[in-house]
Amino acid sequence: MVESGSLKEYVVNNIIGLINEMELDGETVQDILEQTGMDEQMFKQLSVKFNLQK
């Protein structure tokens, strides 16, 4: 979680706002995750959230 009132929270909220305004599709979000090196981490987090097996 992001600390309330922090610069990081401000930046994260702005990024979320931009993504929502742009109405990005799943392929674009996947491309962003891959380019930032976060695709495997997101897979792990979603697997835990939805109780999936690799």
N, C-alpha and C. Protein backbone atom coordinates (compact mmCIF):
# COMPACT_ATOMS: atom_id res chain seq x y z
N MET A 1 0.84 -1.19 0.00
CA MET A 1 0.00 0.00 0.00
C MET A 1 0.88 1.25 0.00
N VAL A 2 0.29 2.32 -0.48
CA VAL A 2 0.99 3.59 -0.56
C VAL A 2 0.63 4.43 0.66
N GLU A 3 1.66 5.04 1.28
CA GLU A 3 1.44 5.87 2.46
C GLU A 3 0.59 7.08 2.11
N SER A 4 -0.47 7.28 2.87
CA SER A 4 -1.38 8.39 2.64
C SER A 4 -0.66 9.73 2.78
N GLY A 5 -0.89 10.63 1.82
CA GLY A 5 -0.30 11.96 1.87
C GLY A 5 1.11 12.04 1.33
N SER A 6 1.66 10.93 0.85
CA SER A 6 3.04 10.93 0.37
C SER A 6 3.10 11.35 -1.10
N LEU A 7 4.29 11.69 -1.53
CA LEU A 7 4.51 12.01 -2.95
C LEU A 7 4.17 10.79 -3.81
N LYS A 8 4.54 9.62 -3.31
CA LYS A 8 4.26 8.39 -4.06
C LYS A 8 2.75 8.21 -4.26
N GLU A 9 1.96 8.49 -3.22
CA GLU A 9 0.50 8.38 -3.35
C GLU A 9 0.00 9.36 -4.41
N TYR A 10 0.52 10.57 -4.42
CA TYR A 10 0.13 11.57 -5.40
C TYR A 10 0.42 11.09 -6.83
N VAL A 11 1.63 10.57 -7.04
CA VAL A 11 2.02 10.09 -8.35
C VAL A 11 1.17 8.89 -8.77
N VAL A 12 0.97 7.94 -7.86
CA VAL A 12 0.17 6.75 -8.16
C VAL A 12 -1.26 7.17 -8.53
N ASN A 13 -1.84 8.09 -7.78
CA ASN A 13 -3.20 8.54 -8.09
C ASN A 13 -3.27 9.22 -9.45
N ASN A 14 -2.23 9.98 -9.81
CA ASN A 14 -2.19 10.60 -11.13
C ASN A 14 -2.09 9.57 -12.24
N ILE A 15 -1.27 8.55 -12.04
CA ILE A 15 -1.13 7.49 -13.04
C ILE A 15 -2.46 6.76 -13.22
N ILE A 16 -3.12 6.43 -12.11
CA ILE A 16 -4.41 5.76 -12.18
C ILE A 16 -5.42 6.63 -12.92
N GLY A 17 -5.42 7.92 -12.63
CA GLY A 17 -6.32 8.84 -13.33
C GLY A 17 -6.07 8.87 -14.83
N LEU A 18 -4.79 8.90 -15.22
CA LEU A 18 -4.44 8.89 -16.64
C LEU A 18 -4.91 7.60 -17.32
N ILE A 19 -4.66 6.47 -16.66
CA ILE A 19 -5.08 5.19 -17.22
C ILE A 19 -6.59 5.14 -17.40
N ASN A 20 -7.32 5.63 -16.40
CA ASN A 20 -8.78 5.63 -16.49
C ASN A 20 -9.28 6.55 -17.60
N GLU A 21 -8.66 7.71 -17.75
CA GLU A 21 -9.05 8.65 -18.80
C GLU A 21 -8.78 8.08 -20.19
N MET A 22 -7.69 7.35 -20.32
CA MET A 22 -7.30 6.81 -21.63
C MET A 22 -8.10 5.57 -22.00
N GLU A 23 -8.79 4.97 -21.06
CA GLU A 23 -9.56 3.75 -21.29
C GLU A 23 -8.71 2.69 -21.99
N LEU A 24 -7.57 2.35 -21.37
CA LEU A 24 -6.64 1.40 -21.96
C LEU A 24 -7.25 0.00 -22.02
N ASP A 25 -6.91 -0.72 -23.08
CA ASP A 25 -7.36 -2.11 -23.19
C ASP A 25 -6.35 -3.03 -22.52
N GLY A 26 -6.72 -4.28 -22.38
CA GLY A 26 -5.88 -5.24 -21.68
C GLY A 26 -4.52 -5.45 -22.32
N GLU A 27 -4.47 -5.45 -23.65
CA GLU A 27 -3.20 -5.64 -24.34
C GLU A 27 -2.23 -4.50 -24.05
N THR A 28 -2.75 -3.28 -24.00
CA THR A 28 -1.90 -2.13 -23.71
C THR A 28 -1.39 -2.18 -22.28
N VAL A 29 -2.26 -2.55 -21.35
CA VAL A 29 -1.83 -2.68 -19.95
C VAL A 29 -0.77 -3.76 -19.83
N GLN A 30 -0.97 -4.88 -20.53
CA GLN A 30 0.02 -5.95 -20.51
C GLN A 30 1.35 -5.45 -21.06
N ASP A 31 1.32 -4.68 -22.14
CA ASP A 31 2.54 -4.13 -22.72
C ASP A 31 3.26 -3.22 -21.72
N ILE A 32 2.50 -2.40 -21.01
CA ILE A 32 3.08 -1.52 -19.99
C ILE A 32 3.75 -2.35 -18.89
N LEU A 33 3.05 -3.40 -18.43
CA LEU A 33 3.61 -4.26 -17.39
C LEU A 33 4.90 -4.93 -17.86
N GLU A 34 4.91 -5.40 -19.11
CA GLU A 34 6.11 -6.04 -19.64
C GLU A 34 7.26 -5.05 -19.77
N GLN A 35 6.98 -3.84 -20.26
CA GLN A 35 8.03 -2.85 -20.45
C GLN A 35 8.60 -2.34 -19.13
N THR A 36 7.82 -2.42 -18.07
CA THR A 36 8.31 -1.98 -16.76
C THR A 36 8.83 -3.14 -15.92
N GLY A 37 8.80 -4.35 -16.50
CA GLY A 37 9.32 -5.51 -15.79
C GLY A 37 8.43 -5.99 -14.65
N MET A 38 7.15 -5.65 -14.71
CA MET A 38 6.24 -6.00 -13.61
C MET A 38 5.25 -7.11 -13.99
N ASP A 39 5.38 -7.70 -15.17
CA ASP A 39 4.41 -8.69 -15.61
C ASP A 39 4.41 -9.96 -14.75
N GLU A 40 5.60 -10.45 -14.40
CA GLU A 40 5.65 -11.66 -13.57
C GLU A 40 5.14 -11.38 -12.16
N GLN A 41 5.47 -10.22 -11.61
CA GLN A 41 4.99 -9.86 -10.28
C GLN A 41 3.47 -9.75 -10.27
N MET A 42 2.91 -9.14 -11.32
CA MET A 42 1.45 -9.01 -11.41
C MET A 42 0.80 -10.39 -11.52
N PHE A 43 1.42 -11.28 -12.29
CA PHE A 43 0.90 -12.64 -12.40
C PHE A 43 0.86 -13.31 -11.03
N LYS A 44 1.95 -13.16 -10.28
CA LYS A 44 2.01 -13.77 -8.94
C LYS A 44 0.94 -13.18 -8.03
N GLN A 45 0.77 -11.86 -8.06
CA GLN A 45 -0.22 -11.22 -7.20
C GLN A 45 -1.65 -11.65 -7.57
N LEU A 46 -1.93 -11.70 -8.86
CA LEU A 46 -3.27 -12.11 -9.29
C LEU A 46 -3.51 -13.58 -9.00
N SER A 47 -2.46 -14.39 -9.12
CA SER A 47 -2.61 -15.82 -8.82
C SER A 47 -2.99 -16.01 -7.35
N VAL A 48 -2.38 -15.24 -6.47
CA VAL A 48 -2.71 -15.32 -5.04
C VAL A 48 -4.12 -14.79 -4.81
N LYS A 49 -4.43 -13.65 -5.41
CA LYS A 49 -5.75 -13.04 -5.21
C LYS A 49 -6.87 -13.97 -5.65
N PHE A 50 -6.69 -14.60 -6.80
CA PHE A 50 -7.75 -15.45 -7.34
C PHE A 50 -7.49 -16.93 -7.10
N ASN A 51 -6.50 -17.24 -6.26
CA ASN A 51 -6.19 -18.61 -5.86
C ASN A 51 -5.95 -19.51 -7.09
N LEU A 52 -5.11 -19.05 -7.99
CA LEU A 52 -4.78 -19.80 -9.21
C LEU A 52 -3.47 -20.54 -9.02
N GLN A 53 -3.27 -21.55 -9.84
CA GLN A 53 -2.03 -22.32 -9.82
C GLN A 53 -1.28 -22.04 -11.11
N LYS A 54 0.06 -22.01 -11.05
CA LYS A 54 0.88 -21.78 -12.24
C LYS A 54 1.01 -23.04 -13.04
